[in-house]
C-alpha atoms as a PDB file:
ATOM      1  CA  UNK A   1      39.038 -18.671  33.163  1.00  0.00           C
ATOM      2  CA  UNK A   2      42.591 -17.500  30.937  1.00  0.00           C
ATOM      3  CA  UNK A   3      44.122 -18.827  27.976  1.00  0.00           C
ATOM      4  CA  UNK A   4      46.704 -20.821  30.156  1.00  0.00           C
ATOM      5  CA  UNK A   5      43.188 -22.447  32.340  1.00  0.00           C
ATOM      6  CA  UNK A   6      41.809 -23.652  29.284  1.00  0.00           C
ATOM      7  CA  UNK A   7      44.900 -24.997  27.229  1.00  0.00           C
ATOM      8  CA  UNK A   8      45.418 -26.995  30.097  1.00  0.00           C
ATOM      9  CA  UNK A   9      41.955 -28.353  30.264  1.00  0.00           C
ATOM     10  CA  UNK A  10      42.452 -29.012  26.731  1.00  0.00           C
ATOM     11  CA  UNK A  11      45.390 -30.621  27.015  1.00  0.00           C
ATOM     12  CA  UNK A  12      44.145 -32.826  29.871  1.00  0.00           C
ATOM     13  CA  UNK A  13      40.510 -33.844  28.714  1.00  0.00           C
ATOM     14  CA  UNK A  14      41.137 -33.839  24.931  1.00  0.00           C
ATOM     15  CA  UNK A  15      44.490 -33.634  23.564  1.00  0.00           C
ATOM     16  CA  UNK A  16      42.893 -34.362  20.153  1.00  0.00           C
ATOM     17  CA  UNK A  17      41.865 -30.716  19.726  1.00  0.00           C
ATOM     18  CA  UNK A  18      43.137 -28.599  17.405  1.00  0.00           C
ATOM     19  CA  UNK A  19      45.023 -25.298  17.654  1.00  0.00           C
ATOM     20  CA  UNK A  20      45.834 -23.063  15.697  1.00  0.00           C
ATOM     21  CA  UNK A  21      49.267 -22.346  14.169  1.00  0.00           C
ATOM     22  CA  UNK A  22      51.594 -20.383  14.870  1.00  0.00           C
ATOM     23  CA  UNK A  23      50.569 -20.110  18.861  1.00  0.00           C
ATOM     24  CA  UNK A  24      52.379 -17.409  19.742  1.00  0.00           C
ATOM     25  CA  UNK A  25      49.640 -15.645  17.132  1.00  0.00           C
ATOM     26  CA  UNK A  26      46.318 -17.167  17.654  1.00  0.00           C
ATOM     27  CA  UNK A  27      46.811 -18.405  21.499  1.00  0.00           C
ATOM     28  CA  UNK A  28      45.491 -14.541  22.295  1.00  0.00           C
ATOM     29  CA  UNK A  29      42.721 -15.238  20.328  1.00  0.00           C
ATOM     30  CA  UNK A  30      40.890 -17.947  22.053  1.00  0.00           C
ATOM     31  CA  UNK A  31      38.133 -17.018  24.522  1.00  0.00           C
ATOM     32  CA  UNK A  32      36.924 -19.894  26.158  1.00  0.00           C
ATOM     33  CA  UNK A  33      36.000 -24.152  25.705  1.00  0.00           C
ATOM     34  CA  UNK A  34      33.158 -25.906  23.936  1.00  0.00           C
ATOM     35  CA  UNK A  35      31.473 -28.554  23.346  1.00  0.00           C
ATOM     36  CA  UNK A  36      29.924 -30.170  20.201  1.00  0.00           C
ATOM     37  CA  UNK A  37      27.599 -33.004  20.642  1.00  0.00           C
ATOM     38  CA  UNK A  38      30.265 -35.831  22.347  1.00  0.00           C
ATOM     39  CA  UNK A  39      33.360 -33.634  21.312  1.00  0.00           C
ATOM     40  CA  UNK A  40      35.142 -31.570  23.505  1.00  0.00           C
ATOM     41  CA  UNK A  41      36.214 -29.937  24.953  1.00  0.00           C
ATOM     42  CA  UNK A  42      37.131 -27.335  22.332  1.00  0.00           C
ATOM     43  CA  UNK A  43      39.032 -24.245  21.953  1.00  0.00           C
ATOM     44  CA  UNK A  44      36.871 -21.496  20.887  1.00  0.00           C
ATOM     45  CA  UNK A  45      38.555 -18.704  19.235  1.00  0.00           C
ATOM     46  CA  UNK A  46      36.973 -15.044  18.875  1.00  0.00           C
ATOM     47  CA  UNK A  47      36.633 -14.219  14.881  1.00  0.00           C
ATOM     48  CA  UNK A  48      37.255 -10.574  15.708  1.00  0.00           C
ATOM     49  CA  UNK A  49      40.720 -11.354  17.305  1.00  0.00           C
ATOM     50  CA  UNK A  50      41.359 -13.811  14.236  1.00  0.00           C
ATOM     51  CA  UNK A  51      40.709 -11.135  11.532  1.00  0.00           C
ATOM     52  CA  UNK A  52      42.650  -8.761  13.383  1.00  0.00           C
ATOM     53  CA  UNK A  53      45.742 -11.002  13.502  1.00  0.00           C
ATOM     54  CA  UNK A  54      45.310 -12.022  10.100  1.00  0.00           C
ATOM     55  CA  UNK A  55      45.230  -8.366   9.069  1.00  0.00           C
ATOM     56  CA  UNK A  56      48.721  -7.545  11.474  1.00  0.00           C
ATOM     57  CA  UNK A  57      50.711 -10.486  10.159  1.00  0.00           C
ATOM     58  CA  UNK A  58      49.601 -10.319   6.857  1.00  0.00           C
ATOM     59  CA  UNK A  59      49.868  -6.620   6.432  1.00  0.00           C
ATOM     60  CA  UNK A  60      46.722  -6.661   4.865  1.00  0.00           C
ATOM     61  CA  UNK A  61      42.787  -5.080   5.112  1.00  0.00           C
ATOM     62  CA  UNK A  62      39.963  -6.447   6.737  1.00  0.00           C
ATOM     63  CA  UNK A  63      38.627  -8.017   3.456  1.00  0.00           C
ATOM     64  CA  UNK A  64      41.266  -9.814   2.637  1.00  0.00           C
ATOM     65  CA  UNK A  65      41.937 -11.232   6.376  1.00  0.00           C
ATOM     66  CA  UNK A  66      38.291 -12.405   6.545  1.00  0.00           C
ATOM     67  CA  UNK A  67      38.289 -13.827   3.174  1.00  0.00           C
ATOM     68  CA  UNK A  68      41.595 -15.831   4.228  1.00  0.00           C
ATOM     69  CA  UNK A  69      39.617 -16.688   7.505  1.00  0.00           C
ATOM     70  CA  UNK A  70      36.637 -17.717   5.773  1.00  0.00           C
ATOM     71  CA  UNK A  71      38.258 -20.342   3.202  1.00  0.00           C
ATOM     72  CA  UNK A  72      41.629 -21.499   5.072  1.00  0.00           C
ATOM     73  CA  UNK A  73      40.183 -21.267   8.569  1.00  0.00           C
ATOM     74  CA  UNK A  74      36.724 -21.256   8.926  1.00  0.00           C
ATOM     75  CA  UNK A  75      36.015 -23.785   6.199  1.00  0.00           C
ATOM     76  CA  UNK A  76      38.554 -26.230   7.569  1.00  0.00           C
ATOM     77  CA  UNK A  77      36.968 -29.466   9.102  1.00  0.00           C
ATOM     78  CA  UNK A  78      40.083 -31.034  10.951  1.00  0.00           C
ATOM     79  CA  UNK A  79      37.825 -34.018  12.578  1.00  0.00           C
ATOM     80  CA  UNK A  80      36.410 -33.774  16.050  1.00  0.00           C
ATOM     81  CA  UNK A  81      39.048 -31.620  17.137  1.00  0.00           C
ATOM     82  CA  UNK A  82      38.032 -28.600  14.969  1.00  0.00           C
ATOM     83  CA  UNK A  83      37.785 -25.309  16.855  1.00  0.00           C
ATOM     84  CA  UNK A  84      34.491 -23.463  16.952  1.00  0.00           C
ATOM     85  CA  UNK A  85      34.520 -19.824  16.213  1.00  0.00           C
ATOM     86  CA  UNK A  86      32.475 -17.007  17.589  1.00  0.00           C
ATOM     87  CA  UNK A  87      31.833 -13.354  17.102  1.00  0.00           C
ATOM     88  CA  UNK A  88      32.504 -11.863  20.824  1.00  0.00           C
ATOM     89  CA  UNK A  89      29.777  -9.130  19.988  1.00  0.00           C
ATOM     90  CA  UNK A  90      26.862 -11.818  19.889  1.00  0.00           C
ATOM     91  CA  UNK A  91      27.603 -13.168  23.216  1.00  0.00           C
ATOM     92  CA  UNK A  92      24.534 -12.672  25.120  1.00  0.00           C
ATOM     93  CA  UNK A  93      25.765 -11.987  28.591  1.00  0.00           C
ATOM     94  CA  UNK A  94      29.113 -10.908  28.821  1.00  0.00           C
ATOM     95  CA  UNK A  95      30.595 -10.059  31.807  1.00  0.00           C
ATOM     96  CA  UNK A  96      27.957 -11.629  34.657  1.00  0.00           C
ATOM     97  CA  UNK A  97      25.758  -8.829  35.187  1.00  0.00           C
END
């Protein structure tokens, strides 16, 4: 599944799902769809990609980007449509074998 397919599913099935802005920077950080009890589908963002995006857009180092992410993005509750964040490196079976 690619980002366009994820966004199409979100638009059809859960238009209240929150997307990070600016979209042109954060849409490439989307890695899939997730569900939380009765909420979903929800957008799943890669923490690594978000941090890299912040480092580039804010021209800062890893620690400053991580601190910004942790406080302003991970720490934000925007209701039932709040996105999910994961570390891609923690996925168990990436790639299908």
